[in-house]
Amino acid sequence: MQQPAKDESFYQRFHQQLLDTSSWPSVYVFKFIVPASGNAQKTLENLFSNDVVKISTRASSKGTYSSISVQGTFESPAVIIDKYKQASKIPNIIQL
């Protein structure tokens, strides 16, 4: 279930898209899917522990996975990309 690692060119394009579509600081919503069992959800929540965010979770119909949305105001596209890179290290996470 692990997603392939994204290369630097992806992050450079994403950085430019964020600059083009938002004024910074800006509200941004991260969306992730993690296995319901294990500690992926807690690890993900810890990633945002120093930020003022609203975290919403929803279990899948069979309870196998959890959908997690994290909404907050972030200073720059670099912060967003850094969070995604850190989250990509969590086993079995899907970043949407």
C-alpha atoms as a PDB file:
ATOM      1  CA  MET A   1       0.000   0.000   0.000  1.00  0.00           C
ATOM      2  CA  GLN A   2       3.026   2.301   0.299  1.00  0.00           C
ATOM      3  CA  GLN A   3       3.027   5.002  -2.366  1.00  0.00           C
ATOM      4  CA  PRO A   4       6.134   5.434  -4.489  1.00  0.00           C
ATOM      5  CA  ALA A   5       8.407   8.248  -3.360  1.00  0.00           C
ATOM      6  CA  LYS A   6       7.885  11.533  -5.138  1.00  0.00           C
ATOM      7  CA  ASP A   7      10.912  13.096  -6.793  1.00  0.00           C
ATOM      8  CA  GLU A   8      12.136  16.671  -6.404  1.00  0.00           C
ATOM      9  CA  SER A   9      10.607  17.774  -9.711  1.00  0.00           C
ATOM     10  CA  PHE A  10       7.160  16.867  -8.343  1.00  0.00           C
ATOM     11  CA  TYR A  11       7.752  19.008  -5.267  1.00  0.00           C
ATOM     12  CA  GLN A  12       9.071  21.905  -7.370  1.00  0.00           C
ATOM     13  CA  ARG A  13       5.904  21.853  -9.530  1.00  0.00           C
ATOM     14  CA  PHE A  14       3.712  21.557  -6.439  1.00  0.00           C
ATOM     15  CA  HIS A  15       5.538  24.480  -4.792  1.00  0.00           C
ATOM     16  CA  GLN A  16       4.882  26.654  -7.847  1.00  0.00           C
ATOM     17  CA  GLN A  17       1.209  25.613  -7.956  1.00  0.00           C
ATOM     18  CA  LEU A  18       0.791  26.585  -4.319  1.00  0.00           C
ATOM     19  CA  LEU A  19       2.422  29.967  -4.974  1.00  0.00           C
ATOM     20  CA  ASP A  20       0.191  30.550  -8.003  1.00  0.00           C
ATOM     21  CA  THR A  21      -3.094  29.620  -6.328  1.00  0.00           C
ATOM     22  CA  SER A  22      -2.833  31.068  -2.825  1.00  0.00           C
ATOM     23  CA  SER A  23      -1.718  34.099  -0.857  1.00  0.00           C
ATOM     24  CA  TRP A  24       0.578  33.153   2.001  1.00  0.00           C
ATOM     25  CA  PRO A  25       0.067  32.548   4.878  1.00  0.00           C
ATOM     26  CA  SER A  26      -2.892  30.483   3.759  1.00  0.00           C
ATOM     27  CA  VAL A  27      -5.347  27.873   4.978  1.00  0.00           C
ATOM     28  CA  TYR A  28      -4.472  24.425   3.648  1.00  0.00           C
ATOM     29  CA  VAL A  29      -6.166  21.038   4.071  1.00  0.00           C
ATOM     30  CA  PHE A  30      -4.074  17.876   4.083  1.00  0.00           C
ATOM     31  CA  LYS A  31      -5.832  14.568   3.406  1.00  0.00           C
ATOM     32  CA  PHE A  32      -4.448  11.171   4.270  1.00  0.00           C
ATOM     33  CA  ILE A  33      -5.578   7.564   4.517  1.00  0.00           C
ATOM     34  CA  VAL A  34      -3.935   5.306   7.097  1.00  0.00           C
ATOM     35  CA  PRO A  35      -4.579   1.777   8.361  1.00  0.00           C
ATOM     36  CA  ALA A  36      -6.931   1.831  11.359  1.00  0.00           C
ATOM     37  CA  SER A  37      -4.698  -0.590  13.239  1.00  0.00           C
ATOM     38  CA  GLY A  38      -1.217   0.393  14.307  1.00  0.00           C
ATOM     39  CA  ASN A  39       0.133   3.781  15.251  1.00  0.00           C
ATOM     40  CA  ALA A  40       0.118   5.596  11.883  1.00  0.00           C
ATOM     41  CA  GLN A  41      -2.708   7.911  12.940  1.00  0.00           C
ATOM     42  CA  LYS A  42      -0.949   8.908  16.159  1.00  0.00           C
ATOM     43  CA  THR A  43       2.331   9.429  14.307  1.00  0.00           C
ATOM     44  CA  LEU A  44       0.554  11.644  11.779  1.00  0.00           C
ATOM     45  CA  GLU A  45      -1.149  13.669  14.516  1.00  0.00           C
ATOM     46  CA  ASN A  46       2.242  14.160  16.209  1.00  0.00           C
ATOM     47  CA  LEU A  47       3.574  15.595  12.950  1.00  0.00           C
ATOM     48  CA  PHE A  48       1.157  18.523  13.421  1.00  0.00           C
ATOM     49  CA  SER A  49       1.476  18.831  17.209  1.00  0.00           C
ATOM     50  CA  ASN A  50       3.253  22.204  16.999  1.00  0.00           C
ATOM     51  CA  ASP A  51       0.667  23.678  14.616  1.00  0.00           C
ATOM     52  CA  VAL A  52      -2.790  25.081  15.285  1.00  0.00           C
ATOM     53  CA  VAL A  53      -4.875  22.656  13.235  1.00  0.00           C
ATOM     54  CA  LYS A  54      -8.231  20.951  13.168  1.00  0.00           C
ATOM     55  CA  ILE A  55      -7.924  17.199  12.689  1.00  0.00           C
ATOM     56  CA  SER A  56     -10.948  15.253  11.463  1.00  0.00           C
ATOM     57  CA  THR A  57     -11.029  11.479  11.164  1.00  0.00           C
ATOM     58  CA  ARG A  58     -13.475   9.094   9.599  1.00  0.00           C
ATOM     59  CA  ALA A  59     -13.330   5.310   9.601  1.00  0.00           C
ATOM     60  CA  SER A  60     -13.870   3.327   6.409  1.00  0.00           C
ATOM     61  CA  SER A  61     -17.054   1.280   6.110  1.00  0.00           C
ATOM     62  CA  LYS A  62     -15.241  -1.907   7.182  1.00  0.00           C
ATOM     63  CA  GLY A  63     -13.116  -0.129   9.764  1.00  0.00           C
ATOM     64  CA  THR A  64      -9.892  -1.130   8.053  1.00  0.00           C
ATOM     65  CA  TYR A  65      -8.711   2.391   7.246  1.00  0.00           C
ATOM     66  CA  SER A  66      -9.110   5.895   8.597  1.00  0.00           C
ATOM     67  CA  SER A  67      -9.402   9.031   6.512  1.00  0.00           C
ATOM     68  CA  ILE A  68      -7.681  11.977   8.190  1.00  0.00           C
ATOM     69  CA  SER A  69      -8.069  15.634   7.229  1.00  0.00           C
ATOM     70  CA  VAL A  70      -5.802  18.252   8.780  1.00  0.00           C
ATOM     71  CA  GLN A  71      -6.778  21.889   8.290  1.00  0.00           C
ATOM     72  CA  GLY A  72      -4.705  24.827   9.406  1.00  0.00           C
ATOM     73  CA  THR A  73      -3.056  28.070   8.406  1.00  0.00           C
ATOM     74  CA  PHE A  74       0.493  27.628   7.180  1.00  0.00           C
ATOM     75  CA  GLU A  75       3.165  30.225   6.445  1.00  0.00           C
ATOM     76  CA  SER A  76       4.404  29.092   3.041  1.00  0.00           C
ATOM     77  CA  PRO A  77       4.394  26.346   0.410  1.00  0.00           C
ATOM     78  CA  ALA A  78       7.727  25.166   1.832  1.00  0.00           C
ATOM     79  CA  VAL A  79       5.992  24.286   5.116  1.00  0.00           C
ATOM     80  CA  ILE A  80       3.302  22.318   3.244  1.00  0.00           C
ATOM     81  CA  ILE A  81       5.889  20.378   1.263  1.00  0.00           C
ATOM     82  CA  ASP A  82       7.945  19.674   4.381  1.00  0.00           C
ATOM     83  CA  LYS A  83       4.861  18.216   6.106  1.00  0.00           C
ATOM     84  CA  TYR A  84       4.155  15.990   3.102  1.00  0.00           C
ATOM     85  CA  LYS A  85       7.768  14.779   3.033  1.00  0.00           C
ATOM     86  CA  GLN A  86       7.655  13.980   6.751  1.00  0.00           C
ATOM     87  CA  ALA A  87       4.295  12.203   6.371  1.00  0.00           C
ATOM     88  CA  SER A  88       5.632  10.114   3.488  1.00  0.00           C
ATOM     89  CA  LYS A  89       7.932   8.364   5.990  1.00  0.00           C
ATOM     90  CA  ILE A  90       4.941   6.934   7.893  1.00  0.00           C
ATOM     91  CA  PRO A  91       4.468   3.285   6.837  1.00  0.00           C
ATOM     92  CA  ASN A  92       1.387   2.516   4.723  1.00  0.00           C
ATOM     93  CA  ILE A  93       0.166   6.112   4.499  1.00  0.00           C
ATOM     94  CA  ILE A  94      -1.651   7.346   1.422  1.00  0.00           C
ATOM     95  CA  GLN A  95      -1.412  11.069   0.753  1.00  0.00           C
ATOM     96  CA  LEU A  96      -4.232  12.596  -1.251  1.00  0.00           C
END
